Amino acid sequence: MRDSPGLDLLRSHDFPNRYSATLGAKFIMSFFGFLSSPDSQKFALSRRELLGKSLAIGAVSLLSKPQPKFSYPLPEFNIGDLVSYYWEPDPEDDDAPECVTDFGQVLGMRYVLEPESSYVLPGTWLYYIMWTHSTCDGTEYPYYDQEPTRGCDLRLIKQS
């Protein structure tokens, strides 16, 4: 078969040659051809090895202890809830106001698993509050003091 004159032009500019069957054979190999090659025999197991390894995997899965699932109790407040904190008067401090209520928004929460102090017992939800305003004058608001507050000390004003 005779080539067209356009094909001679393409060959003269160093374009790749036509695809040949031998070139494709280098790149294309069937999956079954790989399995029958001598290199693949390194990955093969005898029946005895297969049985032994299967039993070992089964024994490990049976002997491993499942981790108990721990479920936390539901928190009293959610992130975004508006809460208040009532400060009781301190009889020992003469400069302390009689009573103060701080208002804020819940920014975060944390569940305590182990006792941290006599104030924070295990099984307690702690809340991180951005304080927005107060009934006491002289305090700059809003502020975030980075101190957790127990849920039992807060009252819900409005849910988010």
Foldseek 3Di string as FASTA:
>chain_A
DDDDPVVVVVVVVVDDDDDDPVVVVVVDDDPVRVCPDPVVVVVDDDPVVVVVVVVVVVVVVVPDDDDDDDDADDDPADFFFKKKFKDDDDPVDPPTDHIKIWIWTFHDKDAAQPDPDPVRHHNWIWTFTQTADMPDPDDDDGHGPVDTDTPVRMDTDGHD
